Protein backbone atom coordinates (compact mmCIF):
# COMPACT_ATOMS: atom_id res chain seq x y z
CA MET A 1 -16.20 15.00 -1.17
CA LYS A 2 -13.10 16.55 -2.68
CA LYS A 3 -10.41 14.24 -3.95
CA LEU A 4 -6.89 14.49 -2.64
CA VAL A 5 -4.59 16.50 -4.87
CA VAL A 6 -0.83 16.17 -5.00
CA ILE A 7 0.94 19.52 -4.68
CA ILE A 8 4.29 19.83 -6.38
CA ALA A 9 6.68 22.68 -5.67
CA LEU A 10 9.32 23.44 -8.27
CA ALA A 11 12.44 25.36 -7.34
CA THR A 12 14.48 26.12 -10.43
CA GLY A 13 17.77 27.97 -10.70
CA TYR A 14 19.44 29.72 -13.61
CA ALA A 15 21.24 26.45 -14.32
CA SER A 16 19.48 23.32 -15.46
CA CYS A 17 19.18 21.99 -11.88
CA LYS A 18 15.69 21.39 -10.44
CA THR A 19 14.52 20.50 -6.95
CA ILE A 20 11.08 18.92 -6.74
CA SER A 21 9.10 18.57 -3.51
CA MET A 22 5.74 16.76 -3.56
CA ASN A 23 3.10 16.71 -0.85
CA VAL A 24 -0.33 15.23 -0.48
CA GLY A 25 -2.92 17.99 -0.78
CA ILE A 26 -5.46 17.59 2.02
CA PRO A 27 -9.05 18.76 1.29
CA ASP A 28 -9.53 22.13 3.01
CA LYS A 29 -12.78 21.19 4.73
CA PHE A 30 -11.26 18.04 6.20
CA ALA A 31 -7.95 19.67 7.18
CA ALA A 32 -9.77 22.44 9.07
CA ASN A 33 -11.29 19.86 11.41
CA ALA A 34 -8.58 17.19 11.56
CA THR A 35 -5.34 16.62 13.46
CA GLN A 36 -2.10 16.03 11.56
CA MET A 37 0.44 13.73 13.25
CA LYS A 38 4.00 13.06 12.06
CA ILE A 39 4.96 9.39 11.91
CA THR A 40 8.21 8.36 13.60
CA GLY A 41 9.93 4.97 13.66
CA LEU A 42 8.58 3.93 10.27
CA HIS A 43 11.90 3.53 8.49
CA GLY A 44 15.00 1.61 9.46
CA MET A 45 15.13 -1.76 11.23
CA ARG A 46 11.78 -3.54 11.02
CA ILE A 47 12.47 -6.13 13.74
CA LYS A 48 12.44 -3.64 16.64
CA ARG A 49 10.18 -1.02 15.16
CA HIS A 50 8.79 1.64 17.52
CA LEU A 51 6.11 3.28 15.42
CA ALA A 52 4.46 6.38 16.86
CA PHE A 53 2.33 9.36 15.77
CA GLY A 54 0.73 11.98 18.00
CA ASN A 55 -0.25 10.32 21.29
CA TYR A 56 -0.38 6.87 19.69
CA GLN A 57 2.39 4.38 20.41
CA VAL A 58 2.91 0.91 18.94
CA ALA A 59 4.28 -1.65 21.43
CA ASN A 60 4.64 -5.39 22.04
CA VAL A 61 5.47 -6.03 18.40
CA LYS A 62 5.85 -9.68 17.47
CA THR A 63 6.88 -10.37 13.91
CA GLY A 64 8.52 -13.20 12.05
CA TRP A 65 10.39 -13.72 8.82
CA VAL A 66 8.77 -13.40 5.44
CA PHE A 67 8.29 -16.92 4.04
CA SER A 68 8.70 -17.27 0.29
CA THR A 69 8.41 -20.29 -1.98
CA GLY A 70 8.36 -20.69 -5.73
CA GLY A 71 9.86 -22.16 -8.84
CA PRO A 72 9.22 -23.18 -12.43
CA ASP A 73 5.89 -24.78 -13.33
CA ARG A 74 7.25 -28.01 -14.81
CA ASN A 75 5.30 -30.24 -17.15
CA SER A 76 5.97 -33.96 -16.96
CA ARG A 77 6.77 -34.03 -20.67
CA ILE A 78 8.96 -31.75 -22.82
CA THR A 79 6.82 -30.01 -25.42
CA THR A 80 7.62 -29.45 -29.08
CA GLU A 81 7.91 -25.73 -28.36
CA GLU A 82 10.61 -26.34 -25.74
CA ARG A 83 12.59 -28.55 -28.14
CA LEU A 84 12.52 -25.83 -30.82
CA LEU A 85 13.62 -23.14 -28.34
CA LYS A 86 16.60 -25.22 -27.22
CA VAL A 87 17.82 -25.42 -30.83
CA PHE A 88 18.28 -21.64 -30.74
CA SER A 89 19.69 -21.64 -27.14
CA LEU A 90 16.44 -20.25 -25.79
CA SER A 91 14.45 -21.33 -22.75
CA HIS A 92 10.94 -20.36 -21.71
CA GLU A 93 9.62 -20.94 -18.17
CA ASN A 94 6.47 -20.13 -16.24
CA ILE A 95 7.30 -19.34 -12.61
CA THR A 96 4.95 -19.14 -9.62
CA GLU A 97 6.06 -17.49 -6.35
CA HIS A 98 4.27 -17.28 -2.99
CA SER A 99 5.08 -15.08 0.02
CA ARG A 100 3.41 -14.64 3.40
CA ASN A 101 3.99 -12.61 6.54
CA LYS A 102 2.36 -12.38 9.98
CA TYR A 103 2.76 -9.87 12.79
CA GLN A 104 0.94 -8.58 15.85
CA TYR A 105 1.22 -5.66 18.25
CA THR A 106 -0.70 -3.30 20.52
CA ILE A 107 -1.41 0.39 19.97
CA GLN A 108 -2.35 2.84 22.72
CA ASP A 109 -2.80 6.53 23.34
CA GLY A 110 -2.51 6.61 27.14
CA ASN A 111 -6.24 6.04 27.63
CA GLY A 112 -7.25 3.15 25.37
CA VAL A 113 -5.43 0.19 23.89
CA ALA A 114 -6.13 -2.13 20.97
CA GLU A 115 -4.59 -5.46 20.00
CA VAL A 116 -3.87 -5.90 16.28
CA TYR A 117 -3.20 -9.21 14.46
CA CYS A 118 -2.15 -9.05 10.80
CA MET A 119 -1.46 -11.38 7.90
CA GLU A 120 -0.45 -10.65 4.31
CA LYS A 121 0.08 -12.91 1.31
CA THR A 122 1.20 -12.58 -2.30
CA THR A 123 1.05 -14.85 -5.32
CA LYS A 124 2.94 -13.97 -8.48
CA GLU A 125 2.90 -15.80 -11.81
CA SER A 126 5.46 -14.71 -14.38
CA VAL A 127 7.12 -15.91 -17.54
CA THR A 128 10.89 -15.82 -18.06
CA THR A 129 12.76 -16.18 -21.34
CA GLU A 130 16.53 -16.80 -21.40
CA THR A 131 18.41 -15.90 -24.56
CA PRO A 132 22.10 -15.57 -25.48
CA TYR A 133 21.58 -11.80 -25.07
CA GLY A 134 20.10 -11.86 -21.58
CA THR A 135 17.09 -12.87 -19.52
CA PHE A 136 13.70 -11.23 -20.00
CA GLY A 137 10.70 -11.56 -17.70
CA LYS A 138 7.09 -10.44 -17.57
CA THR A 139 4.47 -10.66 -14.83
CA LYS A 140 1.33 -12.51 -15.93
CA ASN A 141 -0.68 -11.90 -12.77
CA TYR A 142 -0.14 -10.84 -9.19
CA GLN A 143 -2.43 -11.00 -6.16
CA TYR A 144 -1.89 -9.30 -2.82
CA SER A 145 -4.13 -9.85 0.20
CA PHE A 146 -3.94 -8.26 3.63
CA SER A 147 -6.20 -8.98 6.59
CA ALA A 148 -6.18 -7.84 10.18
CA ALA A 149 -8.20 -8.33 13.36
CA ILE A 150 -8.43 -5.20 15.52
CA LEU A 151 -9.53 -5.82 19.10
CA PRO A 152 -10.06 -2.56 21.03
CA GLN A 153 -9.87 -3.02 24.80
CA THR A 154 -12.53 -0.38 25.39
CA ILE A 155 -16.02 -0.19 26.91
CA LYS A 156 -17.58 -1.03 23.53
CA ASP A 157 -15.06 -3.85 23.02
CA GLU A 158 -16.15 -4.37 19.39
CA PRO A 159 -13.83 -6.44 17.16
CA TRP A 160 -13.06 -5.00 13.73
CA GLN A 161 -11.99 -6.90 10.62
CA LEU A 162 -9.75 -5.32 7.99
CA VAL A 163 -9.63 -6.69 4.44
CA PHE A 164 -7.45 -5.23 1.69
CA TYR A 165 -6.91 -6.90 -1.67
CA ASN A 166 -5.52 -6.00 -5.04
CA SER A 167 -5.03 -7.93 -8.24
CA TYR A 168 -3.07 -7.49 -11.46
CA ASP A 169 -3.86 -9.48 -14.61
CA SER A 170 -1.77 -8.78 -17.71
CA ARG A 171 -4.76 -9.65 -19.91
CA ASN A 172 -6.66 -6.68 -18.44
CA ASP A 173 -3.72 -4.28 -18.27
CA THR A 174 -4.35 -0.90 -19.87
CA ALA A 175 -0.74 0.28 -19.56
CA HIS A 176 0.73 0.58 -23.05
CA ASN A 177 3.29 3.37 -22.71
CA PHE A 178 6.55 3.42 -20.74
CA TRP A 179 5.24 5.77 -18.02
CA ASP A 180 1.83 4.12 -17.69
CA ARG A 181 1.10 2.51 -14.33
CA PRO A 182 -0.11 -1.12 -14.58
CA TYR A 183 -3.84 -1.48 -14.03
CA ILE A 184 -4.37 -2.96 -10.57
CA ALA A 185 -7.84 -3.62 -9.15
CA HIS A 186 -8.18 -2.57 -5.49
CA GLU A 187 -10.68 -3.32 -2.76
CA GLY A 188 -10.37 -2.51 0.92
CA TYR A 189 -12.58 -1.98 3.94
CA VAL A 190 -12.78 -2.34 7.72
CA THR A 191 -15.97 -3.33 9.53
CA ASN A 192 -17.35 -4.28 12.91
CA GLY A 193 -20.53 -5.67 11.34
CA THR A 194 -22.38 -2.36 11.67
CA ILE A 195 -20.00 0.34 10.46
CA LYS A 196 -17.99 0.01 7.26
CA ILE A 197 -14.84 2.08 6.72
CA ASN A 198 -13.65 2.11 3.11
CA ILE A 199 -9.93 2.12 2.28
CA ARG A 200 -9.19 4.02 -0.93
CA PRO A 201 -5.63 4.22 -2.33
CA ILE A 202 -4.83 7.68 -3.69
CA ILE A 203 -2.96 7.05 -6.94
CA THR A 204 -2.69 10.17 -9.05
CA ASP A 205 -0.73 12.10 -11.64
CA LYS A 206 -2.58 15.35 -10.93
CA VAL A 207 -0.26 17.93 -9.40
CA VAL A 208 -0.45 21.63 -8.60
CA THR A 209 2.50 24.03 -8.63
CA ASN A 210 3.05 26.72 -6.01
CA GLU A 211 1.54 29.16 -8.48
CA GLY A 212 -1.71 27.17 -8.44
CA LYS A 213 -1.30 25.72 -11.92
CA GLU A 214 -2.45 22.11 -12.31
CA VAL A 215 -0.08 19.88 -14.29
CA LYS A 216 0.47 16.16 -14.80
CA THR A 217 3.45 14.10 -13.72
CA LEU A 218 5.06 11.54 -16.02
CA ALA A 219 3.69 8.63 -13.98
CA LYS A 220 0.95 8.06 -11.43
CA LEU A 221 2.14 7.68 -7.83
CA LEU A 222 0.67 6.06 -4.74
CA MET A 223 0.58 9.00 -2.34
CA ALA A 224 -1.83 8.07 0.45
CA TYR A 225 -4.73 5.95 1.66
CA GLU A 226 -8.05 7.61 2.39
CA LEU A 227 -10.36 6.20 5.08
CA ASN A 228 -14.00 7.16 4.59
CA ILE A 229 -17.50 6.24 5.73
CA ASP A 230 -20.11 6.71 3.00
CA GLY A 231 -17.75 9.11 1.22
CA GLY A 232 -17.03 11.24 4.29
CA VAL A 233 -13.29 11.30 5.04
CA ILE A 234 -12.35 10.30 8.61
CA GLY A 235 -8.65 9.69 8.14
CA ILE A 236 -5.75 9.99 5.71
CA ILE A 237 -2.58 7.88 5.75
CA ASP A 238 0.06 9.94 3.93
CA VAL A 239 2.65 7.33 2.94
CA PHE A 240 4.64 9.84 0.90
CA LYS A 241 5.33 12.40 3.63
CA ASP A 242 4.77 10.09 6.65
CA ASN A 243 1.76 11.81 8.19
CA ILE A 244 -1.50 10.59 9.73
CA TRP A 245 -4.63 12.76 9.71
CA ILE A 246 -7.60 11.88 11.95
CA TYR A 247 -10.96 13.69 11.93
CA ASN A 248 -11.50 15.61 15.19
CA ASP A 249 -15.23 14.93 15.54
CA LEU A 250 -14.75 11.18 16.01
CA ASP A 251 -15.12 9.83 19.54
CA LYS A 252 -11.99 8.53 21.27
CA ASP A 253 -12.84 4.88 20.61
CA MET A 254 -13.24 5.47 16.85
CA LYS A 255 -10.03 7.50 16.77
CA LEU A 256 -8.24 4.50 18.29
CA VAL A 257 -9.69 2.27 15.56
CA VAL A 258 -8.50 4.69 12.85
CA ALA A 259 -5.04 4.75 14.46
CA ALA A 260 -4.99 0.93 14.54
CA ILE A 261 -5.96 0.74 10.85
CA SER A 262 -3.27 3.27 9.95
CA SER A 263 -0.52 1.48 11.87
CA ALA A 264 -1.51 -1.93 10.43
CA ILE A 265 -1.19 -0.61 6.86
CA LEU A 266 2.11 1.15 7.60
CA MET A 267 3.78 -1.90 9.18
CA ARG A 268 3.33 -4.23 6.22
CA LYS A 269 6.42 -5.87 4.69
CA LEU A 270 5.24 -7.31 1.38
CA ASP A 271 4.94 -5.18 -1.75
CA GLU A 272 1.28 -4.78 -2.70
CA SER A 273 2.05 -3.33 -6.15
CA LYS A 274 4.79 -5.62 -7.45
CA ALA A 275 3.05 -6.06 -10.75
CA ALA A 276 5.35 -4.14 -13.05
């Protein structure tokens, strides 16, 4: 299976001005037998979102507020370290923050409909140091989890479970330079107990110019999510250019499942990569 490649087009004038346009490069073999659909309704007000792509329409959206809690991790006793820091007008705090969000909706294409129920959570632990010259903070670890139940109202009527998780731990971080992306461990899949669809984030710094020359960007970017079964691509969620690609050879029920997975990922509110 070919990996997705980011294509970058550079338009340069005689002056020092540059216009850069980046797109997700779709594997030729997949693109030749897949349907591309432009996403509408993704941006703007989230409360009354009317997401749509191709023949697929999201409706009956029920969503609430994002709930967040957090604060300093206080010890019952002041340590010697804290006493010394106060002498120099310094303070050092460990802070833990939690966020959660739930939403549900239906998605249909005029023939079939599926109900989708979603939940996402984050936990962030960071350390903050206040000095006379400003406040400095660093993330120690960050966990993001997303789960969804997809209930197709079809003849097969098979429930699907979506699980997506990523984790950042500063002790395992391999980012040492300014442009390095923090190391974040990912795992994601969707299953009905028989079939397993893998969710693979496409994070890359590999780009190709219009002249066909491969170059590297300064930083790696999250461009898309690939959906595959045993390595065979069945769908691509292009979050950079707002496109959905679905493999043509899937039956209509599986296409509805892929559309439900895509919409569930697109409608999230919490930041899955807030580790920097």
